């Protein structure tokens, strides 16, 4: 009986030690850029930070908390220099900070083409 309890405890600890989080910068239209996965360190949480200017969403950051930069939940935290407002949420389950699905290639192509056209127009 003691062996079974010890094995169950080890299995539970092994599961918690292999929690993964999504890691990327999420931008309007483009979605997650530089999409990766990170393994959560013991005692840490996955984080998702959304940045806004006023009520307009500007970008999001998804990542693993670390001992040097642990996840700290925050609502309407304002950066005085940039005028951005941040909301941060924390979670500790596997892939709990899931990003939105990848944008369709056609939508990305339209956005990049429009951006290039705007750049050419500004140069004239």
C-alpha atoms as a PDB file:
ATOM      1  CA  UNK A   1       0.000   0.000   0.000  1.00  0.00           C
ATOM      2  CA  UNK A   2       2.828   2.417   0.839  1.00  0.00           C
ATOM      3  CA  UNK A   3       4.504   1.697  -2.519  1.00  0.00           C
ATOM      4  CA  UNK A   4       1.281   2.485  -4.386  1.00  0.00           C
ATOM      5  CA  UNK A   5       0.910   5.806  -2.512  1.00  0.00           C
ATOM      6  CA  UNK A   6       4.534   6.715  -3.217  1.00  0.00           C
ATOM      7  CA  UNK A   7       4.134   5.920  -6.931  1.00  0.00           C
ATOM      8  CA  UNK A   8       0.941   7.977  -7.116  1.00  0.00           C
ATOM      9  CA  UNK A   9       2.709  10.916  -5.437  1.00  0.00           C
ATOM     10  CA  UNK A  10       5.652  10.659  -7.857  1.00  0.00           C
ATOM     11  CA  UNK A  11       3.297  10.516 -10.855  1.00  0.00           C
ATOM     12  CA  UNK A  12       1.453  13.603  -9.605  1.00  0.00           C
ATOM     13  CA  UNK A  13       4.716  15.497  -9.087  1.00  0.00           C
ATOM     14  CA  UNK A  14       5.975  14.442 -12.528  1.00  0.00           C
ATOM     15  CA  UNK A  15       2.757  15.724 -14.137  1.00  0.00           C
ATOM     16  CA  UNK A  16       3.068  19.090 -12.372  1.00  0.00           C
ATOM     17  CA  UNK A  17       6.750  19.359 -13.321  1.00  0.00           C
ATOM     18  CA  UNK A  18       5.943  19.071 -17.042  1.00  0.00           C
ATOM     19  CA  UNK A  19       3.341  21.825 -17.366  1.00  0.00           C
ATOM     20  CA  UNK A  20       3.844  23.797 -20.547  1.00  0.00           C
ATOM     21  CA  UNK A  21       2.730  27.317 -21.455  1.00  0.00           C
ATOM     22  CA  UNK A  22       2.389  29.078 -24.770  1.00  0.00           C
ATOM     23  CA  UNK A  23       4.977  31.778 -25.406  1.00  0.00           C
ATOM     24  CA  UNK A  24       4.558  34.483 -28.072  1.00  0.00           C
ATOM     25  CA  UNK A  25       3.728  38.102 -28.783  1.00  0.00           C
ATOM     26  CA  UNK A  26       0.206  38.354 -30.161  1.00  0.00           C
ATOM     27  CA  UNK A  27      -0.468  41.251 -32.541  1.00  0.00           C
ATOM     28  CA  UNK A  28      -3.638  42.468 -34.259  1.00  0.00           C
ATOM     29  CA  UNK A  29      -4.281  40.706 -37.581  1.00  0.00           C
ATOM     30  CA  UNK A  30      -0.991  38.732 -37.407  1.00  0.00           C
ATOM     31  CA  UNK A  31      -1.840  36.689 -34.309  1.00  0.00           C
ATOM     32  CA  UNK A  32       0.990  35.026 -32.369  1.00  0.00           C
ATOM     33  CA  UNK A  33       4.434  35.953 -33.645  1.00  0.00           C
ATOM     34  CA  UNK A  34       7.428  33.801 -32.671  1.00  0.00           C
ATOM     35  CA  UNK A  35       5.134  31.076 -31.275  1.00  0.00           C
ATOM     36  CA  UNK A  36       6.922  28.699 -28.889  1.00  0.00           C
ATOM     37  CA  UNK A  37       6.238  26.561 -25.875  1.00  0.00           C
ATOM     38  CA  UNK A  38       7.981  26.848 -22.517  1.00  0.00           C
ATOM     39  CA  UNK A  39       8.117  24.478 -19.559  1.00  0.00           C
ATOM     40  CA  UNK A  40       6.869  25.911 -16.291  1.00  0.00           C
ATOM     41  CA  UNK A  41       9.332  25.932 -13.399  1.00  0.00           C
ATOM     42  CA  UNK A  42       8.100  24.626 -10.019  1.00  0.00           C
ATOM     43  CA  UNK A  43       6.095  27.238  -8.121  1.00  0.00           C
ATOM     44  CA  UNK A  44       5.551  29.392 -11.212  1.00  0.00           C
ATOM     45  CA  UNK A  45       2.514  30.072 -13.441  1.00  0.00           C
ATOM     46  CA  UNK A  46       1.763  30.721 -17.100  1.00  0.00           C
ATOM     47  CA  UNK A  47       1.056  34.376 -17.819  1.00  0.00           C
ATOM     48  CA  UNK A  48      -0.991  36.336 -20.320  1.00  0.00           C
ATOM     49  CA  UNK A  49      -0.632  40.115 -20.468  1.00  0.00           C
ATOM     50  CA  UNK A  50      -2.911  42.224 -22.683  1.00  0.00           C
ATOM     51  CA  UNK A  51      -1.853  45.808 -23.483  1.00  0.00           C
ATOM     52  CA  UNK A  52      -4.305  48.560 -24.421  1.00  0.00           C
ATOM     53  CA  UNK A  53      -4.241  52.207 -25.433  1.00  0.00           C
ATOM     54  CA  UNK A  54      -7.528  53.438 -24.049  1.00  0.00           C
ATOM     55  CA  UNK A  55      -9.933  50.616 -24.921  1.00  0.00           C
ATOM     56  CA  UNK A  56      -8.035  49.577 -28.079  1.00  0.00           C
ATOM     57  CA  UNK A  57      -6.100  46.311 -27.766  1.00  0.00           C
ATOM     58  CA  UNK A  58      -2.494  46.768 -28.965  1.00  0.00           C
ATOM     59  CA  UNK A  59      -0.742  43.456 -28.236  1.00  0.00           C
ATOM     60  CA  UNK A  60      -0.579  40.498 -25.858  1.00  0.00           C
ATOM     61  CA  UNK A  61       2.344  38.627 -24.361  1.00  0.00           C
ATOM     62  CA  UNK A  62       2.045  34.954 -23.448  1.00  0.00           C
ATOM     63  CA  UNK A  63       4.884  33.304 -21.531  1.00  0.00           C
ATOM     64  CA  UNK A  64       6.056  31.237 -18.572  1.00  0.00           C
ATOM     65  CA  UNK A  65       6.589  32.983 -15.277  1.00  0.00           C
ATOM     66  CA  UNK A  66      10.116  32.659 -13.912  1.00  0.00           C
ATOM     67  CA  UNK A  67      11.643  33.253 -10.475  1.00  0.00           C
ATOM     68  CA  UNK A  68      13.061  36.530 -11.838  1.00  0.00           C
ATOM     69  CA  UNK A  69       9.757  37.558 -13.425  1.00  0.00           C
ATOM     70  CA  UNK A  70       6.901  35.669 -11.731  1.00  0.00           C
ATOM     71  CA  UNK A  71       3.337  36.068 -12.919  1.00  0.00           C
ATOM     72  CA  UNK A  72       1.526  38.744 -10.916  1.00  0.00           C
ATOM     73  CA  UNK A  73      -2.165  39.242 -11.750  1.00  0.00           C
ATOM     74  CA  UNK A  74      -2.997  42.872 -12.507  1.00  0.00           C
ATOM     75  CA  UNK A  75      -6.026  44.779 -13.758  1.00  0.00           C
ATOM     76  CA  UNK A  76      -5.744  48.187 -15.427  1.00  0.00           C
ATOM     77  CA  UNK A  77      -2.089  48.659 -14.489  1.00  0.00           C
ATOM     78  CA  UNK A  78      -0.928  51.814 -16.305  1.00  0.00           C
ATOM     79  CA  UNK A  79       2.527  52.565 -17.670  1.00  0.00           C
ATOM     80  CA  UNK A  80       3.013  56.325 -17.293  1.00  0.00           C
ATOM     81  CA  UNK A  81       5.720  56.583 -19.997  1.00  0.00           C
ATOM     82  CA  UNK A  82       3.936  54.811 -22.835  1.00  0.00           C
ATOM     83  CA  UNK A  83       0.349  55.428 -21.806  1.00  0.00           C
ATOM     84  CA  UNK A  84      -0.413  51.717 -22.071  1.00  0.00           C
ATOM     85  CA  UNK A  85      -2.785  49.880 -19.749  1.00  0.00           C
ATOM     86  CA  UNK A  86      -1.985  46.247 -18.890  1.00  0.00           C
ATOM     87  CA  UNK A  87      -4.141  43.366 -17.673  1.00  0.00           C
ATOM     88  CA  UNK A  88      -2.285  40.228 -16.589  1.00  0.00           C
ATOM     89  CA  UNK A  89      -3.787  36.844 -15.753  1.00  0.00           C
ATOM     90  CA  UNK A  90      -2.001  33.777 -14.365  1.00  0.00           C
ATOM     91  CA  UNK A  91      -2.818  30.077 -14.627  1.00  0.00           C
ATOM     92  CA  UNK A  92      -1.068  26.816 -13.797  1.00  0.00           C
ATOM     93  CA  UNK A  93      -2.517  24.109 -16.011  1.00  0.00           C
ATOM     94  CA  UNK A  94      -0.993  22.680 -19.177  1.00  0.00           C
ATOM     95  CA  UNK A  95      -1.327  25.205 -22.057  1.00  0.00           C
ATOM     96  CA  UNK A  96      -3.853  27.249 -20.080  1.00  0.00           C
ATOM     97  CA  UNK A  97      -2.720  30.523 -21.686  1.00  0.00           C
ATOM     98  CA  UNK A  98      -3.801  29.320 -25.100  1.00  0.00           C
ATOM     99  CA  UNK A  99      -3.421  31.788 -27.965  1.00  0.00           C
ATOM    100  CA  UNK A 100      -6.074  32.276 -30.606  1.00  0.00           C
ATOM    101  CA  UNK A 101      -5.784  30.072 -33.678  1.00  0.00           C
ATOM    102  CA  UNK A 102      -3.234  31.089 -36.268  1.00  0.00           C
ATOM    103  CA  UNK A 103      -4.592  33.603 -38.781  1.00  0.00           C
ATOM    104  CA  UNK A 104      -5.240  32.350 -42.267  1.00  0.00           C
ATOM    105  CA  UNK A 105      -2.335  32.914 -44.676  1.00  0.00           C
ATOM    106  CA  UNK A 106      -4.609  34.915 -46.996  1.00  0.00           C
ATOM    107  CA  UNK A 107      -5.470  37.390 -44.234  1.00  0.00           C
ATOM    108  CA  UNK A 108      -1.796  37.822 -43.345  1.00  0.00           C
ATOM    109  CA  UNK A 109      -0.940  38.346 -47.024  1.00  0.00           C
ATOM    110  CA  UNK A 110      -3.648  41.015 -47.369  1.00  0.00           C
ATOM    111  CA  UNK A 111      -2.365  42.803 -44.254  1.00  0.00           C
ATOM    112  CA  UNK A 112       1.280  42.720 -45.362  1.00  0.00           C
ATOM    113  CA  UNK A 113       0.375  43.842 -48.900  1.00  0.00           C
ATOM    114  CA  UNK A 114      -1.653  46.734 -47.500  1.00  0.00           C
ATOM    115  CA  UNK A 115       1.220  47.697 -45.222  1.00  0.00           C
ATOM    116  CA  UNK A 116       3.676  47.628 -48.155  1.00  0.00           C
ATOM    117  CA  UNK A 117       1.282  49.720 -50.257  1.00  0.00           C
ATOM    118  CA  UNK A 118       0.993  52.261 -47.468  1.00  0.00           C
ATOM    119  CA  UNK A 119       4.790  52.414 -47.216  1.00  0.00           C
ATOM    120  CA  UNK A 120       5.138  53.025 -50.970  1.00  0.00           C
ATOM    121  CA  UNK A 121       2.433  55.682 -50.885  1.00  0.00           C
ATOM    122  CA  UNK A 122       4.219  57.484 -48.034  1.00  0.00           C
ATOM    123  CA  UNK A 123       7.494  57.474 -49.987  1.00  0.00           C
ATOM    124  CA  UNK A 124       5.942  59.334 -52.964  1.00  0.00           C
END
